[in-house]
Amino acid sequence: MISQKMDRELSKQLNKEFHSAYLYLGMSAWCAEAGFSGSAGWFMAQYQEEQEHGMKVYNYLLDQGGKVELLKIKKVKTEYKSLLACFEASLEHEMMMTTSFNELCDFAMKEKDHASYGFFQWFVEEQIEEEATVSDIISKLKMVGDKNGVFMIDNRLTGRTVTDGAQD
C-alpha cells in the first residue's frame, strides 16, 4: 500500500508519461508532413514506448492499492523549424523526464517507500538510454549539416520497432 502523497505523485507521473506519448505523436506527425519518414517512424516508436511507460506506472499504482487519477494532458507543439530542432526538443523533454524520476526517487526515500524507489529505478536506467540515443542523433545531425546528410540520417532511423518494455 502506498501513501496518499505517493499516490498523487504517481498520478502526476502517469500524466507526464502520456503527455510524452502525445508529444512524440506530434513530432511524428511533423516529421511525416515534412517528408522525414524515417524520423516519423522513429518518433512513432517513441510514442508507443511512452504509452507502455504510462501503463507501467498505471499498473504499479493499481497494484499498490492506489487510486488512478487521470489528469488533463496539455496541448503539444507540432511545428518545428528543422529536424535538428525537433530532436533537440526531444532531448530537452527527456532531460525533464529524467529530473522528474530523480525527484520521485528522492520523494520515495523521504517517504520511506522502498517499493516505489525500486520501481523507479527501471525508469532511471531507461532515461540514461533515452538521453544517450537522442544525443547521438543530434550529434550526427549537427555533423552532417546539409540536406543530403539529413536525408541519410533520416533514412537510417527507418525501421525502429518497440519491444514491450511494459512487462519488464
C-alpha atoms as a PDB file:
ATOM      1  CA  MET A   1       0.000   0.000   0.000  1.00  0.00           C
ATOM      2  CA  ILE A   2       1.333   3.422  -0.882  1.00  0.00           C
ATOM      3  CA  SER A   3       0.719   6.721   0.858  1.00  0.00           C
ATOM      4  CA  GLN A   4      -1.769   9.262  -0.468  1.00  0.00           C
ATOM      5  CA  LYS A   5       1.159  11.560  -1.206  1.00  0.00           C
ATOM      6  CA  MET A   6       2.880   8.908  -3.326  1.00  0.00           C
ATOM      7  CA  ASP A   7      -0.439   8.130  -4.993  1.00  0.00           C
ATOM      8  CA  ARG A   8      -0.706  11.794  -6.082  1.00  0.00           C
ATOM      9  CA  GLU A   9       2.898  11.835  -7.307  1.00  0.00           C
ATOM     10  CA  LEU A  10       2.359   8.664  -9.326  1.00  0.00           C
ATOM     11  CA  SER A  11      -0.780  10.113 -10.906  1.00  0.00           C
ATOM     12  CA  LYS A  12       1.229  13.190 -11.901  1.00  0.00           C
ATOM     13  CA  GLN A  13       3.891  10.936 -13.393  1.00  0.00           C
ATOM     14  CA  LEU A  14       1.247   8.949 -15.222  1.00  0.00           C
ATOM     15  CA  ASN A  15       0.116  12.206 -16.809  1.00  0.00           C
ATOM     16  CA  LYS A  16       3.711  13.056 -17.763  1.00  0.00           C
ATOM     17  CA  GLU A  17       4.134   9.693 -19.460  1.00  0.00           C
ATOM     18  CA  PHE A  18       1.007  10.125 -21.559  1.00  0.00           C
ATOM     19  CA  HIS A  19       1.971  13.735 -22.264  1.00  0.00           C
ATOM     20  CA  SER A  20       5.291  12.355 -23.521  1.00  0.00           C
ATOM     21  CA  ALA A  21       3.437   9.954 -25.792  1.00  0.00           C
ATOM     22  CA  TYR A  22       1.327  12.822 -27.116  1.00  0.00           C
ATOM     23  CA  LEU A  23       4.456  14.942 -27.636  1.00  0.00           C
ATOM     24  CA  TYR A  24       6.121  12.195 -29.664  1.00  0.00           C
ATOM     25  CA  LEU A  25       2.963  11.646 -31.689  1.00  0.00           C
ATOM     26  CA  GLY A  26       3.081  15.348 -32.594  1.00  0.00           C
ATOM     27  CA  MET A  27       6.751  15.074 -33.529  1.00  0.00           C
ATOM     28  CA  SER A  28       5.984  12.040 -35.676  1.00  0.00           C
ATOM     29  CA  ALA A  29       3.230  13.960 -37.455  1.00  0.00           C
ATOM     30  CA  TRP A  30       5.529  16.925 -38.117  1.00  0.00           C
ATOM     31  CA  CYS A  31       8.245  14.631 -39.480  1.00  0.00           C
ATOM     32  CA  ALA A  32       5.760  12.832 -41.732  1.00  0.00           C
ATOM     33  CA  GLU A  33       4.406  16.131 -43.052  1.00  0.00           C
ATOM     34  CA  ALA A  34       7.967  17.410 -43.655  1.00  0.00           C
ATOM     35  CA  GLY A  35       8.921  14.261 -45.582  1.00  0.00           C
ATOM     36  CA  PHE A  36      11.153  12.712 -42.915  1.00  0.00           C
ATOM     37  CA  SER A  37       9.572   9.278 -42.999  1.00  0.00           C
ATOM     38  CA  GLY A  38      12.407   7.584 -41.085  1.00  0.00           C
ATOM     39  CA  SER A  39      12.177  10.091 -38.259  1.00  0.00           C
ATOM     40  CA  ALA A  40       8.373   9.917 -38.340  1.00  0.00           C
ATOM     41  CA  GLY A  41       8.662   6.181 -37.734  1.00  0.00           C
ATOM     42  CA  TRP A  42      11.294   6.717 -35.031  1.00  0.00           C
ATOM     43  CA  PHE A  43       9.064   9.169 -33.169  1.00  0.00           C
ATOM     44  CA  MET A  44       6.060   6.874 -33.624  1.00  0.00           C
ATOM     45  CA  ALA A  45       8.070   4.150 -31.876  1.00  0.00           C
ATOM     46  CA  GLN A  46       8.834   6.693 -29.120  1.00  0.00           C
ATOM     47  CA  TYR A  47       5.092   7.383 -28.867  1.00  0.00           C
ATOM     48  CA  GLN A  48       4.387   3.666 -28.408  1.00  0.00           C
ATOM     49  CA  GLU A  49       7.184   3.303 -25.871  1.00  0.00           C
ATOM     50  CA  GLU A  50       5.871   6.209 -23.796  1.00  0.00           C
ATOM     51  CA  GLN A  51       2.409   4.653 -23.797  1.00  0.00           C
ATOM     52  CA  GLU A  52       3.994   1.482 -22.418  1.00  0.00           C
ATOM     53  CA  HIS A  53       5.762   3.524 -19.753  1.00  0.00           C
ATOM     54  CA  GLY A  54       2.451   5.123 -18.825  1.00  0.00           C
ATOM     55  CA  MET A  55       0.835   1.720 -18.492  1.00  0.00           C
ATOM     56  CA  LYS A  56       3.729   0.549 -16.355  1.00  0.00           C
ATOM     57  CA  VAL A  57       3.025   3.431 -13.924  1.00  0.00           C
ATOM     58  CA  TYR A  58      -0.739   2.796 -14.161  1.00  0.00           C
ATOM     59  CA  ASN A  59      -0.373  -0.894 -13.301  1.00  0.00           C
ATOM     60  CA  TYR A  60       2.047  -0.193 -10.458  1.00  0.00           C
ATOM     61  CA  LEU A  61      -0.342   2.354  -8.985  1.00  0.00           C
ATOM     62  CA  LEU A  62      -3.193  -0.159  -9.060  1.00  0.00           C
ATOM     63  CA  ASP A  63      -1.003  -2.988  -7.756  1.00  0.00           C
ATOM     64  CA  GLN A  64      -0.071  -0.803  -4.786  1.00  0.00           C
ATOM     65  CA  GLY A  65      -3.680  -0.061  -3.923  1.00  0.00           C
ATOM     66  CA  GLY A  66      -3.551   3.466  -5.283  1.00  0.00           C
ATOM     67  CA  LYS A  67      -6.285   5.439  -6.952  1.00  0.00           C
ATOM     68  CA  VAL A  68      -5.632   6.341 -10.573  1.00  0.00           C
ATOM     69  CA  GLU A  69      -6.352   9.975 -11.300  1.00  0.00           C
ATOM     70  CA  LEU A  70      -6.303  10.877 -14.983  1.00  0.00           C
ATOM     71  CA  LEU A  71      -5.226  14.474 -15.321  1.00  0.00           C
ATOM     72  CA  LYS A  72      -5.673  16.716 -18.350  1.00  0.00           C
ATOM     73  CA  ILE A  73      -2.956  16.317 -20.995  1.00  0.00           C
ATOM     74  CA  LYS A  74      -1.587  19.638 -22.189  1.00  0.00           C
ATOM     75  CA  LYS A  75      -1.535  20.550 -25.855  1.00  0.00           C
ATOM     76  CA  VAL A  76       1.827  19.823 -27.503  1.00  0.00           C
ATOM     77  CA  LYS A  77       3.873  21.611 -30.119  1.00  0.00           C
ATOM     78  CA  THR A  78       3.515  20.193 -33.623  1.00  0.00           C
ATOM     79  CA  GLU A  79       5.686  22.600 -35.625  1.00  0.00           C
ATOM     80  CA  TYR A  80       9.491  22.633 -35.751  1.00  0.00           C
ATOM     81  CA  LYS A  81      11.890  24.682 -37.844  1.00  0.00           C
ATOM     82  CA  SER A  82      14.073  21.683 -38.683  1.00  0.00           C
ATOM     83  CA  LEU A  83      14.673  18.030 -37.956  1.00  0.00           C
ATOM     84  CA  LEU A  84      17.500  19.072 -35.665  1.00  0.00           C
ATOM     85  CA  ALA A  85      15.163  21.381 -33.714  1.00  0.00           C
ATOM     86  CA  CYS A  86      12.678  18.528 -33.370  1.00  0.00           C
ATOM     87  CA  PHE A  87      15.306  16.193 -31.897  1.00  0.00           C
ATOM     88  CA  GLU A  88      16.634  18.971 -29.647  1.00  0.00           C
ATOM     89  CA  ALA A  89      13.112  19.417 -28.285  1.00  0.00           C
ATOM     90  CA  SER A  90      13.003  15.665 -27.703  1.00  0.00           C
ATOM     91  CA  LEU A  91      16.267  15.777 -25.735  1.00  0.00           C
ATOM     92  CA  GLU A  92      15.034  18.718 -23.659  1.00  0.00           C
ATOM     93  CA  HIS A  93      11.897  16.753 -22.855  1.00  0.00           C
ATOM     94  CA  GLU A  94      13.845  13.616 -21.930  1.00  0.00           C
ATOM     95  CA  MET A  95      16.052  15.646 -19.607  1.00  0.00           C
ATOM     96  CA  MET A  96      12.910  16.972 -17.921  1.00  0.00           C
ATOM     97  CA  MET A  97      11.654  13.409 -17.523  1.00  0.00           C
ATOM     98  CA  THR A  98      14.987  12.370 -16.015  1.00  0.00           C
ATOM     99  CA  THR A  99      14.640  15.167 -13.472  1.00  0.00           C
ATOM    100  CA  SER A 100      11.097  14.024 -12.728  1.00  0.00           C
ATOM    101  CA  PHE A 101      12.196  10.459 -11.964  1.00  0.00           C
ATOM    102  CA  ASN A 102      15.128  11.646  -9.880  1.00  0.00           C
ATOM    103  CA  GLU A 103      12.718  13.759  -7.847  1.00  0.00           C
ATOM    104  CA  LEU A 104      10.368  10.772  -7.474  1.00  0.00           C
ATOM    105  CA  CYS A 105      13.288   8.690  -6.162  1.00  0.00           C
ATOM    106  CA  ASP A 106      14.088  11.423  -3.631  1.00  0.00           C
ATOM    107  CA  PHE A 107      10.428  11.606  -2.637  1.00  0.00           C
ATOM    108  CA  ALA A 108      10.164   7.820  -2.265  1.00  0.00           C
ATOM    109  CA  MET A 109      13.168   7.777   0.052  1.00  0.00           C
ATOM    110  CA  LYS A 110      11.756  10.667   2.082  1.00  0.00           C
ATOM    111  CA  GLU A 111       8.509   8.674   2.408  1.00  0.00           C
ATOM    112  CA  LYS A 112      10.496   5.510   3.218  1.00  0.00           C
ATOM    113  CA  ASP A 113       8.668   3.862   0.316  1.00  0.00           C
ATOM    114  CA  HIS A 114      11.258   1.300  -0.744  1.00  0.00           C
ATOM    115  CA  ALA A 115       8.919  -0.473  -3.164  1.00  0.00           C
ATOM    116  CA  SER A 116       8.321   2.701  -5.156  1.00  0.00           C
ATOM    117  CA  TYR A 117      12.008   3.593  -5.021  1.00  0.00           C
ATOM    118  CA  GLY A 118      12.812   0.185  -6.506  1.00  0.00           C
ATOM    119  CA  PHE A 119      10.108   0.612  -9.137  1.00  0.00           C
ATOM    120  CA  PHE A 120      11.528   3.984 -10.193  1.00  0.00           C
ATOM    121  CA  GLN A 121      14.986   2.511 -10.778  1.00  0.00           C
ATOM    122  CA  TRP A 122      13.826   0.921 -14.022  1.00  0.00           C
ATOM    123  CA  PHE A 123      12.836   4.375 -15.280  1.00  0.00           C
ATOM    124  CA  VAL A 124      16.098   5.952 -14.120  1.00  0.00           C
ATOM    125  CA  GLU A 125      18.010   3.404 -16.221  1.00  0.00           C
ATOM    126  CA  GLU A 126      15.641   3.922 -19.141  1.00  0.00           C
ATOM    127  CA  GLN A 127      16.252   7.682 -19.048  1.00  0.00           C
ATOM    128  CA  ILE A 128      20.008   7.163 -19.376  1.00  0.00           C
ATOM    129  CA  GLU A 129      19.354   5.239 -22.594  1.00  0.00           C
ATOM    130  CA  GLU A 130      16.792   7.771 -23.877  1.00  0.00           C
ATOM    131  CA  GLU A 131      19.091  10.759 -23.425  1.00  0.00           C
ATOM    132  CA  ALA A 132      22.095   8.960 -24.928  1.00  0.00           C
ATOM    133  CA  THR A 133      20.140   7.845 -28.003  1.00  0.00           C
ATOM    134  CA  VAL A 134      18.698  11.271 -28.756  1.00  0.00           C
ATOM    135  CA  SER A 135      22.040  12.983 -28.044  1.00  0.00           C
ATOM    136  CA  ASP A 136      23.698  10.662 -30.559  1.00  0.00           C
ATOM    137  CA  ILE A 137      21.141  11.523 -33.245  1.00  0.00           C
ATOM    138  CA  ILE A 138      21.589  15.241 -32.541  1.00  0.00           C
ATOM    139  CA  SER A 139      25.369  14.906 -32.824  1.00  0.00           C
ATOM    140  CA  LYS A 140      25.020  13.214 -36.198  1.00  0.00           C
ATOM    141  CA  LEU A 141      22.559  15.828 -37.455  1.00  0.00           C
ATOM    142  CA  LYS A 142      24.966  18.586 -36.417  1.00  0.00           C
ATOM    143  CA  MET A 143      27.874  16.811 -38.125  1.00  0.00           C
ATOM    144  CA  VAL A 144      26.199  16.470 -41.496  1.00  0.00           C
ATOM    145  CA  GLY A 145      24.549  19.864 -41.543  1.00  0.00           C
ATOM    146  CA  ASP A 146      23.375  19.686 -45.174  1.00  0.00           C
ATOM    147  CA  LYS A 147      20.251  18.316 -46.804  1.00  0.00           C
ATOM    148  CA  ASN A 148      21.916  15.192 -48.190  1.00  0.00           C
ATOM    149  CA  GLY A 149      23.307  14.302 -44.788  1.00  0.00           C
ATOM    150  CA  VAL A 150      19.974  14.879 -43.063  1.00  0.00           C
ATOM    151  CA  PHE A 151      18.344  12.624 -45.656  1.00  0.00           C
ATOM    152  CA  MET A 152      20.933   9.930 -44.903  1.00  0.00           C
ATOM    153  CA  ILE A 153      20.335  10.129 -41.142  1.00  0.00           C
ATOM    154  CA  ASP A 154      16.572  10.166 -41.592  1.00  0.00           C
ATOM    155  CA  ASN A 155      16.880   7.060 -43.732  1.00  0.00           C
ATOM    156  CA  ARG A 156      18.925   5.315 -41.001  1.00  0.00           C
ATOM    157  CA  LEU A 157      16.122   5.913 -38.491  1.00  0.00           C
ATOM    158  CA  THR A 158      13.698   3.875 -40.604  1.00  0.00           C
ATOM    159  CA  GLY A 159      12.610   0.554 -39.219  1.00  0.00           C
ATOM    160  CA  ARG A 160      12.844   1.146 -35.480  1.00  0.00           C
ATOM    161  CA  THR A 161      10.473  -1.089 -33.571  1.00  0.00           C
ATOM    162  CA  VAL A 162       9.340  -1.106 -29.988  1.00  0.00           C
ATOM    163  CA  THR A 163       9.720  -4.073 -27.705  1.00  0.00           C
ATOM    164  CA  ASP A 164       7.166  -4.399 -24.971  1.00  0.00           C
ATOM    165  CA  GLY A 165       9.062  -2.832 -22.077  1.00  0.00           C
ATOM    166  CA  ALA A 166       5.890  -2.529 -20.002  1.00  0.00           C
ATOM    167  CA  GLN A 167       6.306  -6.130 -18.916  1.00  0.00           C
ATOM    168  CA  ASP A 168       9.839  -5.680 -17.541  1.00  0.00           C
END
